[in-house]
Protein backbone atom coordinates (compact mmCIF):
# COMPACT_ATOMS: atom_id res chain seq x y z
CA UNK A 1 -9.35 17.85 -32.68
CA UNK A 2 -9.43 21.55 -31.90
CA UNK A 3 -8.70 23.95 -34.73
CA UNK A 4 -8.56 27.67 -35.16
CA UNK A 5 -10.30 29.02 -38.23
CA UNK A 6 -8.90 32.39 -39.31
CA UNK A 7 -10.53 34.59 -41.93
CA UNK A 8 -7.92 36.80 -43.54
CA UNK A 9 -8.90 40.35 -44.36
CA UNK A 10 -8.04 40.77 -48.04
CA UNK A 11 -8.00 44.54 -48.08
CA UNK A 12 -4.74 44.76 -46.09
CA UNK A 13 -2.05 46.38 -48.25
CA UNK A 14 1.48 47.42 -47.32
CA UNK A 15 2.87 45.66 -44.22
CA UNK A 16 2.25 42.54 -42.20
CA UNK A 17 0.12 42.68 -39.09
CA UNK A 18 1.13 40.90 -35.88
CA UNK A 19 -1.39 40.00 -33.25
CA UNK A 20 -2.66 37.46 -30.75
CA UNK A 21 -5.84 35.50 -31.43
CA UNK A 22 -7.72 33.64 -28.72
CA UNK A 23 -9.63 30.44 -29.36
CA UNK A 24 -12.04 28.85 -26.91
CA UNK A 25 -12.82 25.16 -26.63
CA UNK A 26 -15.22 24.34 -23.86
CA UNK A 27 -13.84 25.82 -20.65
CA UNK A 28 -10.26 25.83 -21.95
CA UNK A 29 -8.65 28.92 -23.36
CA UNK A 30 -5.37 28.99 -25.21
CA UNK A 31 -3.37 31.74 -26.83
CA UNK A 32 -2.12 31.39 -30.36
CA UNK A 33 0.17 33.99 -31.89
CA UNK A 34 -0.23 34.57 -35.62
CA UNK A 35 0.78 37.21 -38.12
CA UNK A 36 -0.45 38.20 -41.57
CA UNK A 37 1.94 38.36 -44.50
CA UNK A 38 1.21 40.84 -47.29
CA UNK A 39 3.14 41.03 -50.56
CA UNK A 40 2.56 43.19 -53.66
CA UNK A 41 3.37 41.14 -56.75
CA UNK A 42 4.92 42.31 -60.01
CA UNK A 43 1.53 42.32 -61.76
CA UNK A 44 0.10 44.70 -59.16
CA UNK A 45 -1.88 42.15 -57.18
CA UNK A 46 -1.56 41.87 -53.41
CA UNK A 47 -1.09 38.34 -51.99
CA UNK A 48 -1.85 37.51 -48.34
CA UNK A 49 -0.96 34.58 -46.04
CA UNK A 50 -0.87 33.66 -42.39
CA UNK A 51 1.90 32.34 -40.11
CA UNK A 52 1.62 30.67 -36.71
CA UNK A 53 4.37 30.88 -34.09
CA UNK A 54 5.44 27.38 -33.09
CA UNK A 55 6.23 25.93 -29.66
CA UNK A 56 9.91 26.76 -30.23
CA UNK A 57 9.16 30.47 -30.79
CA UNK A 58 9.94 30.35 -34.52
CA UNK A 59 7.41 31.24 -37.19
CA UNK A 60 6.05 28.28 -39.11
CA UNK A 61 5.74 28.12 -42.87
CA UNK A 62 3.29 30.65 -44.33
CA UNK A 63 -0.15 29.17 -44.98
CA UNK A 64 -1.89 30.59 -48.04
CA UNK A 65 -5.66 30.30 -48.49
CA UNK A 66 -7.07 29.45 -51.92
CA UNK A 67 -8.58 32.91 -52.30
CA UNK A 68 -5.72 35.20 -51.31
CA UNK A 69 -5.23 37.86 -53.99
CA UNK A 70 -6.42 41.45 -54.06
CA UNK A 71 -6.60 42.69 -57.65
CA UNK A 72 -5.12 46.11 -58.48
CA UNK A 73 -8.54 47.08 -59.81
CA UNK A 74 -10.27 46.37 -56.47
CA UNK A 75 -12.72 49.09 -55.54
CA UNK A 76 -11.42 51.26 -52.65
CA UNK A 77 -13.38 51.11 -49.41
CA UNK A 78 -14.76 47.63 -50.08
CA UNK A 79 -13.74 44.83 -47.72
CA UNK A 80 -12.91 41.47 -49.27
CA UNK A 81 -12.24 38.24 -47.41
CA UNK A 82 -10.01 35.27 -48.09
CA UNK A 83 -11.04 31.65 -47.75
CA UNK A 84 -10.41 30.14 -44.27
CA UNK A 85 -7.03 29.00 -42.97
CA UNK A 86 -7.06 26.27 -40.32
CA UNK A 87 -4.43 25.79 -37.62
CA UNK A 88 -4.25 22.88 -35.21
CA UNK A 89 -4.34 24.17 -31.62
CA UNK A 90 -3.20 20.95 -30.02
CA UNK A 91 0.08 21.65 -28.25
CA UNK A 92 3.14 19.43 -28.32
CA UNK A 93 2.53 18.48 -24.69
CA UNK A 94 -1.06 17.50 -25.47
CA UNK A 95 0.04 15.42 -28.44
CA UNK A 96 2.56 13.57 -26.28
CA UNK A 97 -0.05 12.99 -23.56
CA UNK A 98 -2.60 11.72 -26.06
CA UNK A 99 -0.05 9.40 -27.64
CA UNK A 100 0.77 8.09 -24.18
CA UNK A 101 -2.91 7.64 -23.41
CA UNK A 102 -3.38 5.68 -26.64
CA UNK A 103 -0.39 3.50 -25.76
CA UNK A 104 -1.82 2.79 -22.30
CA UNK A 105 -5.25 1.98 -23.71
CA UNK A 106 -3.72 -0.53 -26.10
CA UNK A 107 -1.74 -2.03 -23.21
CA UNK A 108 -5.00 -2.31 -21.26
CA UNK A 109 -6.60 -4.21 -24.12
CA UNK A 110 -3.72 -6.66 -23.97
CA UNK A 111 -4.18 -7.01 -20.21
CA UNK A 112 -7.89 -7.73 -20.76
CA UNK A 113 -7.04 -10.57 -23.14
CA UNK A 114 -4.56 -11.86 -20.58
CA UNK A 115 -7.23 -11.82 -17.86
CA UNK A 116 -9.54 -13.85 -20.09
CA UNK A 117 -6.85 -16.51 -20.56
CA UNK A 118 -6.65 -17.01 -16.80
CA UNK A 119 -10.13 -18.60 -16.77
CA UNK A 120 -11.25 -21.98 -18.06
CA UNK A 121 -13.06 -22.30 -21.36
CA UNK A 122 -16.24 -23.49 -19.64
CA UNK A 123 -16.42 -20.42 -17.39
CA UNK A 124 -19.16 -17.90 -18.11
CA UNK A 125 -16.93 -14.84 -18.34
CA UNK A 126 -19.79 -12.38 -18.62
CA UNK A 127 -21.18 -13.67 -15.33
CA UNK A 128 -17.93 -12.96 -13.52
CA UNK A 129 -17.41 -10.01 -11.24
CA UNK A 130 -15.66 -7.12 -12.98
CA UNK A 131 -12.00 -6.21 -12.74
CA UNK A 132 -11.46 -3.60 -10.03
CA UNK A 133 -9.07 -0.94 -11.33
CA UNK A 134 -7.32 1.25 -8.73
CA UNK A 135 -6.19 4.62 -10.08
CA UNK A 136 -4.05 7.09 -8.17
CA UNK A 137 -5.43 10.62 -8.87
CA UNK A 138 -1.87 11.90 -9.15
CA UNK A 139 -1.52 9.72 -12.26
CA UNK A 140 -4.97 9.85 -13.78
CA UNK A 141 -3.68 9.31 -17.31
CA UNK A 142 -2.87 5.74 -16.23
CA UNK A 143 -6.61 5.23 -15.97
CA UNK A 144 -6.49 4.69 -19.74
CA UNK A 145 -5.27 1.17 -18.91
CA UNK A 146 -8.61 0.54 -17.25
CA UNK A 147 -10.42 1.73 -20.37
CA UNK A 148 -8.49 -0.78 -22.45
CA UNK A 149 -9.19 -3.64 -20.03
CA UNK A 150 -12.88 -2.81 -20.16
CA UNK A 151 -12.88 -3.14 -23.96
CA UNK A 152 -11.60 -6.73 -23.95
CA UNK A 153 -12.63 -8.29 -20.61
CA UNK A 154 -16.26 -9.49 -20.92
CA UNK A 155 -17.19 -8.71 -17.30
CA UNK A 156 -16.00 -5.14 -17.65
CA UNK A 157 -14.16 -2.83 -15.26
CA UNK A 158 -15.01 -0.78 -12.22
CA UNK A 159 -12.68 2.08 -11.35
CA UNK A 160 -11.79 3.54 -7.96
CA UNK A 161 -9.83 6.79 -8.18
CA UNK A 162 -8.43 7.79 -4.81
CA UNK A 163 -5.23 8.42 -2.87
CA UNK A 164 -6.95 7.65 0.45
CA UNK A 165 -5.31 4.25 0.79
CA UNK A 166 -7.21 3.32 3.95
CA UNK A 167 -10.48 3.95 2.14
CA UNK A 168 -9.27 1.86 -0.80
CA UNK A 169 -8.36 -0.98 1.56
CA UNK A 170 -11.79 -0.82 3.26
CA UNK A 171 -13.63 -0.88 -0.07
CA UNK A 172 -11.49 -3.70 -1.45
CA UNK A 173 -12.02 -5.84 1.66
CA UNK A 174 -15.79 -5.31 1.42
CA UNK A 175 -15.86 -6.29 -2.26
CA UNK A 176 -13.66 -9.34 -1.76
CA UNK A 177 -15.91 -10.62 1.04
CA UNK A 178 -18.98 -10.01 -1.15
CA UNK A 179 -17.42 -11.75 -4.18
CA UNK A 180 -17.68 -8.58 -6.24
CA UNK A 181 -14.14 -8.65 -7.66
CA UNK A 182 -12.72 -11.13 -10.17
CA UNK A 183 -9.23 -9.61 -10.06
CA UNK A 184 -7.56 -6.30 -9.30
CA UNK A 185 -5.59 -3.94 -11.55
CA UNK A 186 -3.33 -1.39 -9.79
CA UNK A 187 -1.78 1.57 -11.60
CA UNK A 188 0.71 2.76 -8.99
CA UNK A 189 3.07 1.09 -6.58
CA UNK A 190 1.15 2.47 -3.61
CA UNK A 191 -2.22 1.14 -4.80
CA UNK A 192 -0.55 -2.21 -5.57
CA UNK A 193 0.74 -2.58 -2.02
CA UNK A 194 -2.59 -1.43 -0.59
CA UNK A 195 -4.46 -4.07 -2.59
CA UNK A 196 -1.97 -6.81 -1.73
CA UNK A 197 -2.17 -6.14 2.01
CA UNK A 198 -5.98 -5.96 1.92
CA UNK A 199 -6.27 -9.22 -0.05
CA UNK A 200 -3.83 -11.10 2.17
CA UNK A 201 -5.65 -9.89 5.28
CA UNK A 202 -9.01 -11.13 3.96
CA UNK A 203 -7.65 -14.51 2.80
CA UNK A 204 -5.84 -15.06 6.08
CA UNK A 205 -9.11 -14.71 7.99
CA UNK A 206 -11.30 -16.29 5.29
CA UNK A 207 -9.32 -19.15 3.73
CA UNK A 208 -12.40 -20.49 1.97
CA UNK A 209 -12.51 -17.50 -0.38
CA UNK A 210 -11.05 -17.97 -3.87
CA UNK A 211 -7.64 -16.48 -4.64
CA UNK A 212 -7.84 -13.04 -6.20
CA UNK A 213 -5.07 -12.02 -8.58
CA UNK A 214 -3.64 -8.53 -8.32
CA UNK A 215 -1.98 -7.13 -11.43
CA UNK A 216 0.21 -4.09 -11.74
CA UNK A 217 1.13 -1.63 -14.47
CA UNK A 218 4.23 0.40 -13.70
CA UNK A 219 5.92 2.94 -15.95
CA UNK A 220 9.18 3.88 -14.18
CA UNK A 221 9.43 7.13 -16.16
CA UNK A 222 6.61 9.52 -17.02
CA UNK A 223 6.95 10.26 -20.76
CA UNK A 224 4.72 13.30 -20.66
CA UNK A 225 6.22 16.78 -20.82
CA UNK A 226 6.43 18.57 -17.45
CA UNK A 227 4.28 21.62 -16.84
CA UNK A 228 5.30 24.93 -18.37
CA UNK A 229 5.83 26.43 -14.90
CA UNK A 230 7.99 23.57 -13.63
CA UNK A 231 11.43 25.03 -12.92
CA UNK A 232 14.59 22.99 -13.56
CA UNK A 233 17.84 24.41 -12.22
CA UNK A 234 21.41 23.77 -13.36
CA UNK A 235 23.82 25.56 -11.01
CA UNK A 236 27.55 25.32 -11.64
CA UNK A 237 30.83 26.85 -10.54
CA UNK A 238 33.31 28.46 -12.96
CA UNK A 239 31.82 30.60 -15.65
CA UNK A 240 34.98 32.38 -16.79
CA UNK A 241 36.30 30.22 -19.60
CA UNK A 242 35.29 28.49 -22.80
CA UNK A 243 34.40 25.27 -20.99
CA UNK A 244 31.52 26.90 -19.11
CA UNK A 245 30.48 28.93 -22.13
CA UNK A 246 30.05 25.72 -24.11
CA UNK A 247 28.40 24.01 -21.14
CA UNK A 248 25.87 26.82 -20.73
CA UNK A 249 25.05 26.88 -24.43
CA UNK A 250 24.54 23.12 -24.52
CA UNK A 251 22.37 23.16 -21.39
CA UNK A 252 20.13 25.73 -23.05
CA UNK A 253 20.00 23.64 -26.20
CA UNK A 254 19.08 20.55 -24.19
CA UNK A 255 16.29 22.39 -22.39
CA UNK A 256 14.83 23.54 -25.71
CA UNK A 257 15.03 20.03 -27.14
CA UNK A 258 13.42 18.50 -24.04
CA UNK A 259 10.76 21.20 -23.74
CA UNK A 260 11.51 22.25 -20.15
CA UNK A 261 11.79 25.55 -18.30
CA UNK A 262 15.49 25.78 -17.39
CA UNK A 263 17.45 28.19 -15.21
CA UNK A 264 21.16 27.69 -15.92
CA UNK A 265 23.61 29.73 -13.81
CA UNK A 266 27.34 29.66 -13.21
CA UNK A 267 29.28 31.29 -10.36
CA UNK A 268 32.90 31.97 -9.56
CA UNK A 269 32.20 32.10 -5.82
CA UNK A 270 31.02 28.95 -4.03
CA UNK A 271 28.88 30.90 -1.55
CA UNK A 272 27.01 32.45 -4.47
CA UNK A 273 26.52 29.00 -5.95
CA UNK A 274 25.05 27.80 -2.64
CA UNK A 275 22.76 30.85 -2.54
CA UNK A 276 21.59 30.06 -6.08
CA UNK A 277 20.66 26.53 -5.00
CA UNK A 278 18.66 27.96 -2.10
CA UNK A 279 16.96 30.40 -4.47
CA UNK A 280 15.90 27.48 -6.66
CA UNK A 281 14.39 25.87 -3.57
CA UNK A 282 12.52 29.08 -2.70
CA UNK A 283 11.24 29.33 -6.28
CA UNK A 284 9.82 25.82 -6.19
CA UNK A 285 12.23 24.02 -8.53
CA UNK A 286 11.21 20.45 -9.33
CA UNK A 287 14.80 19.28 -9.86
CA UNK A 288 18.30 20.70 -9.36
CA UNK A 289 21.62 19.75 -10.97
CA UNK A 290 24.77 21.20 -9.45
CA UNK A 291 28.52 20.80 -9.54
CA UNK A 292 30.32 19.80 -6.34
CA UNK A 293 33.34 22.04 -6.68
CA UNK A 294 33.56 22.34 -2.88
CA UNK A 295 31.32 19.66 -1.34
CA UNK A 296 31.65 20.81 2.27
CA UNK A 297 30.52 24.34 1.42
CA UNK A 298 27.67 23.23 -0.84
CA UNK A 299 26.37 20.36 1.31
CA UNK A 300 24.08 22.49 3.56
CA UNK A 301 22.29 24.03 0.55
CA UNK A 302 21.92 20.62 -1.09
CA UNK A 303 20.54 19.18 2.17
CA UNK A 304 17.96 21.99 2.28
CA UNK A 305 16.86 21.16 -1.26
CA UNK A 306 16.53 17.46 -0.50
CA UNK A 307 14.65 18.21 2.73
CA UNK A 308 12.23 20.29 0.67
CA UNK A 309 11.51 17.25 -1.50
CA UNK A 310 13.55 18.47 -4.48
CA UNK A 311 15.81 15.79 -5.98
CA UNK A 312 19.39 16.88 -6.66
CA UNK A 313 21.93 15.37 -9.04
CA UNK A 314 25.55 16.41 -9.38
CA UNK A 315 27.83 16.75 -12.37
CA UNK A 316 31.39 17.74 -13.30
CA UNK A 317 33.42 18.13 -10.08
CA UNK A 318 33.03 16.08 -6.91
CA UNK A 319 32.34 12.51 -8.00
CA UNK A 320 33.85 11.10 -4.81
CA UNK A 321 31.64 13.32 -2.63
CA UNK A 322 28.35 12.80 -4.46
CA UNK A 323 27.15 9.93 -2.31
CA UNK A 324 28.21 11.75 0.85
CA UNK A 325 26.14 14.88 0.12
CA UNK A 326 23.15 12.80 -1.00
CA UNK A 327 22.76 13.56 -4.70
CA UNK A 328 20.77 11.04 -6.72
CA UNK A 329 23.61 10.30 -9.11
CA UNK A 330 26.69 11.95 -10.56
CA UNK A 331 27.75 12.66 -14.15
CA UNK A 332 31.22 13.93 -14.94
CA UNK A 333 34.71 13.50 -16.21
CA UNK A 334 36.82 10.85 -14.51
CA UNK A 335 39.25 13.44 -13.16
CA UNK A 336 41.60 10.96 -11.52
CA UNK A 337 41.78 8.87 -14.68
CA UNK A 338 42.34 12.02 -16.74
CA UNK A 339 45.38 12.79 -14.62
CA UNK A 340 46.61 9.22 -14.99
CA UNK A 341 46.32 9.47 -18.77
CA UNK A 342 48.31 12.73 -18.73
CA UNK A 343 51.06 11.10 -16.69
CA UNK A 344 51.21 8.15 -19.07
CA UNK A 345 51.50 10.52 -22.02
CA UNK A 346 54.34 12.47 -20.38
CA UNK A 347 56.09 9.13 -19.87
CA UNK A 348 55.69 8.24 -23.55
CA UNK A 349 57.02 11.65 -24.55
CA UNK A 350 60.15 11.08 -22.45
CA UNK A 351 59.57 13.95 -20.03
CA UNK A 352 61.94 13.89 -17.05
CA UNK A 353 61.93 16.10 -13.97
CA UNK A 354 59.29 18.07 -12.08
CA UNK A 355 55.91 18.69 -13.72
CA UNK A 356 54.08 21.79 -12.50
CA UNK A 357 50.33 21.02 -12.18
CA UNK A 358 48.45 24.34 -12.26
CA UNK A 359 45.22 24.37 -10.21
CA UNK A 360 43.23 27.48 -11.15
CA UNK A 361 40.45 26.97 -8.55
CA UNK A 362 42.02 26.20 -5.20
CA UNK A 363 38.89 24.62 -3.65
CA UNK A 364 37.96 22.51 -6.70
CA UNK A 365 38.28 18.87 -5.65
CA UNK A 366 38.12 17.67 -9.27
CA UNK A 367 41.21 19.66 -10.25
CA UNK A 368 43.18 18.27 -7.32
CA UNK A 369 42.13 14.77 -8.40
CA UNK A 370 43.62 15.46 -11.84
CA UNK A 371 46.94 16.41 -10.30
CA UNK A 372 46.87 13.40 -7.97
CA UNK A 373 46.14 11.10 -10.91
CA UNK A 374 49.04 12.65 -12.80
CA UNK A 375 51.36 12.00 -9.88
CA UNK A 376 50.22 8.39 -9.64
CA UNK A 377 51.43 7.46 -13.16
CA UNK A 378 54.22 9.92 -13.92
CA UNK A 379 57.36 7.83 -13.54
CA UNK A 380 60.26 10.17 -14.28
CA UNK A 381 60.06 12.81 -11.57
CA UNK A 382 57.77 14.62 -9.15
CA UNK A 383 54.49 16.50 -9.61
CA UNK A 384 54.37 19.92 -7.96
CA UNK A 385 50.85 21.25 -7.36
CA UNK A 386 50.40 25.02 -7.26
CA UNK A 387 47.09 26.89 -6.94
CA UNK A 388 46.58 30.21 -8.69
CA UNK A 389 43.54 32.08 -9.87
CA UNK A 390 42.97 31.75 -13.58
CA UNK A 391 43.88 35.42 -14.06
CA UNK A 392 47.23 35.20 -12.31
CA UNK A 393 48.19 31.72 -13.50
CA UNK A 394 50.18 32.76 -16.57
CA UNK A 395 52.44 35.23 -14.76
CA UNK A 396 52.86 32.87 -11.82
CA UNK A 397 53.85 29.96 -14.07
CA UNK A 398 56.38 32.14 -15.93
CA UNK A 399 57.91 33.18 -12.57
CA UNK A 400 58.02 29.59 -11.40
CA UNK A 401 59.69 28.55 -14.67
CA UNK A 402 62.38 31.17 -14.09
CA UNK A 403 63.56 29.25 -11.03
CA UNK A 404 64.98 26.70 -13.46
CA UNK A 405 63.77 23.32 -12.21
CA UNK A 406 60.51 22.76 -14.12
CA UNK A 407 60.44 20.03 -16.78
CA UNK A 408 56.84 20.49 -17.99
CA UNK A 409 53.60 22.33 -17.21
CA UNK A 410 50.13 20.75 -16.97
CA UNK A 411 47.32 23.33 -17.24
CA UNK A 412 43.87 22.13 -16.17
CA UNK A 413 41.64 24.36 -18.31
CA UNK A 414 41.65 25.88 -21.77
CA UNK A 415 41.77 29.43 -20.36
CA UNK A 416 44.92 28.79 -18.33
CA UNK A 417 46.54 26.93 -21.21
CA UNK A 418 45.86 29.81 -23.61
CA UNK A 419 47.11 32.47 -21.21
CA UNK A 420 50.35 30.66 -20.52
CA UNK A 421 51.08 30.29 -24.21
CA UNK A 422 50.00 33.83 -25.08
CA UNK A 423 52.37 35.14 -22.41
CA UNK A 424 55.28 34.07 -24.67
CA UNK A 425 56.06 30.70 -23.11
CA UNK A 426 59.83 31.19 -23.15
CA UNK A 427 61.23 27.72 -23.69
CA UNK A 428 59.84 25.30 -26.31
CA UNK A 429 62.02 22.64 -24.69
CA UNK A 430 59.77 22.81 -21.61
CA UNK A 431 56.57 21.14 -22.85
CA UNK A 432 53.14 22.54 -22.08
CA UNK A 433 50.04 20.31 -21.91
CA UNK A 434 46.49 21.34 -21.12
CA UNK A 435 42.90 20.28 -20.59
CA UNK A 436 40.19 21.66 -22.86
CA UNK A 437 39.77 22.31 -26.54
CA UNK A 438 39.53 25.28 -28.84
CA UNK A 439 40.65 25.98 -32.38
CA UNK A 440 43.84 27.61 -31.18
CA UNK A 441 44.77 24.39 -29.40
CA UNK A 442 44.20 22.48 -32.61
CA UNK A 443 46.75 24.67 -34.38
CA UNK A 444 49.25 24.76 -31.50
CA UNK A 445 49.21 21.01 -30.90
CA UNK A 446 49.70 20.45 -34.63
CA UNK A 447 52.68 22.80 -34.53
CA UNK A 448 54.15 21.24 -31.38
CA UNK A 449 53.68 24.33 -29.22
CA UNK A 450 51.40 22.31 -26.96
CA UNK A 451 52.46 18.70 -26.37
CA UNK A 452 48.86 17.42 -26.03
CA UNK A 453 45.41 18.39 -24.82
CA UNK A 454 42.83 16.30 -23.00
CA UNK A 455 39.21 16.70 -23.97
CA UNK A 456 37.09 17.57 -20.91
CA UNK A 457 33.73 17.18 -22.70
CA UNK A 458 31.69 20.21 -21.56
CA UNK A 459 28.99 19.47 -24.14
CA UNK A 460 28.31 15.95 -22.93
CA UNK A 461 28.42 16.81 -19.24
CA UNK A 462 25.99 19.73 -19.47
CA UNK A 463 23.57 17.97 -21.82
CA UNK A 464 23.43 14.88 -19.59
CA UNK A 465 22.97 17.02 -16.48
CA UNK A 466 19.87 18.64 -17.97
CA UNK A 467 18.62 15.27 -19.16
CA UNK A 468 19.25 13.87 -15.67
CA UNK A 469 17.38 16.75 -14.05
CA UNK A 470 14.36 15.93 -16.20
CA UNK A 471 14.74 12.21 -15.60
CA UNK A 472 14.73 12.39 -11.82
CA UNK A 473 11.66 14.64 -11.94
CA UNK A 474 9.87 12.13 -14.17
CA UNK A 475 10.70 9.15 -11.92
CA UNK A 476 7.74 7.63 -10.12
CA UNK A 477 9.99 6.24 -7.40
CA UNK A 478 12.55 7.95 -5.19
CA UNK A 479 15.56 8.50 -7.49
CA UNK A 480 18.11 8.24 -4.67
CA UNK A 481 16.81 4.76 -3.91
CA UNK A 482 16.49 3.74 -7.53
CA UNK A 483 19.85 5.03 -8.77
CA UNK A 484 21.61 4.04 -5.55
CA UNK A 485 24.00 6.99 -5.78
CA UNK A 486 25.51 5.75 -9.02
CA UNK A 487 28.35 7.61 -10.72
CA UNK A 488 28.61 7.95 -14.49
CA UNK A 489 32.14 9.01 -15.44
CA UNK A 490 33.55 9.89 -18.86
CA UNK A 491 36.91 8.31 -19.62
CA UNK A 492 38.84 11.11 -21.39
CA UNK A 493 41.23 10.76 -24.31
CA UNK A 494 44.48 12.41 -25.32
CA UNK A 495 44.23 14.84 -28.22
CA UNK A 496 47.66 14.78 -29.77
CA UNK A 497 48.79 16.49 -32.97
CA UNK A 498 47.19 13.89 -35.26
CA UNK A 499 43.90 14.00 -33.38
CA UNK A 500 43.89 17.80 -33.44
CA UNK A 501 44.54 17.74 -37.16
CA UNK A 502 41.50 15.52 -37.72
CA UNK A 503 39.34 17.73 -35.51
CA UNK A 504 40.50 20.88 -37.29
CA UNK A 505 39.81 19.39 -40.70
CA UNK A 506 36.36 18.25 -39.57
CA UNK A 507 35.38 21.63 -38.10
CA UNK A 508 36.94 24.17 -40.43
CA UNK A 509 36.69 24.37 -44.23
CA UNK A 510 40.11 24.01 -45.82
CA UNK A 511 39.94 27.43 -47.45
CA UNK A 512 39.31 29.05 -44.06
CA UNK A 513 42.22 27.14 -42.56
CA UNK A 514 44.43 28.37 -45.39
CA UNK A 515 43.20 31.91 -44.94
CA UNK A 516 43.32 32.28 -41.16
CA UNK A 517 45.19 29.48 -39.43
CA UNK A 518 48.32 30.20 -41.46
CA UNK A 519 48.46 33.74 -40.00
CA UNK A 520 50.44 34.62 -36.90
CA UNK A 521 53.14 32.02 -37.31
CA UNK A 522 54.53 32.86 -33.90
CA UNK A 523 51.40 31.27 -32.48
CA UNK A 524 50.87 34.03 -29.95
CA UNK A 525 47.46 35.22 -31.00
CA UNK A 526 44.70 34.24 -28.57
CA UNK A 527 41.96 32.12 -30.20
CA UNK A 528 38.46 33.51 -30.32
């Protein structure tokens, strides 16, 4: 195990020193950032320590050598040294790879025992031909399986590492004809098929030869961390309300937890979103996640990414179009079902007449699905769909209300819901419902100023989109084929007054609720 041995200079007095220290191990060179801590104690001594910056960018706990004090009586101009401090230079990625290698080696040992059991007790196993292990150079870590087989199979293992499948087939045919192979171990789907075709060809033309078993080890997902320079892109629409703020924050959190290099961007203009997808392609992204707010406009950019060999998944808007544009799979809210749930709730509340469904992004197919779902279950009147920008929605809804034939308003985002209410919604007898969640909603639903809210789950959608982007990069088979264009939809729930009360109590200390949420009894302050 590689370690860095640091000798602390004990004569440092006053302030900590920050620097970069390089350690060399063989031909490898890695940078480790450390800093020295220096503290003058009450008795006049100076105590020193050393901190290492971790993979997450935070400073680890201070390490203190046994000899770490400079006495106040120390002679000026004389250098004194601490005892050594040792830091492990093995990175998180290396630890994961080594753990994976150990797991594969152990699996190989098990395979070796299995190979032994395939022979009769009277067979001289050491006189057998070795196992031929075929390793794809793109997955060399899987060669650890061969090492494990060699430890437990008496005849040992011979390894061929190549992605020249014709050469592998030629060599395998030669060895089979010469009786130099007892059985074959393949470590990738391609080498498996190569071996199977070569064996079947030889046996077809030489039926007197003994049957040769071909075994296969397949990990569908690579558990190792991707390279530091591998770019993962999450490109979404929106960006102007709390939903996308929470989504962006959670995507960043997910990337940090998963250890990947993430570029997360959000755009109010679909053409800019398409350009961002193309930029990810130009920058060599290994995986892209994007919303399908306007599938027809985004499809050409997505097609360019797929043509470049970059897998694309979709999330949030556009579930119905995901298969059409060719994304691997889709993660999002069940927008149609969300609308249905809203309609059912209006029915339970006894709403009668026209419900105004406020679409704040005219080209967003998911928002129109919410309104259509609402219309499909609302039983006591019509649903009128109007499209406004988020900025103009409040004034436009107030003007529409003034015409006198609106029974309720359904806002489709937290920003629109807040703006309508802040604009002095004039008639508490005309109920307002909304999608989204914030602490203001919790208070207003409790007080009856909003009939209900529907959670739209920005945290879950963005976290799963980042996880999906990593997953489809780690797949060893084509993700479009493997996932078969599947759709994973979240079934939303109504957040009525009781639910909002529970959420508020869970999120906010009671003393803070008493201090702040009791202010502004008119309910017109905009939540932060």
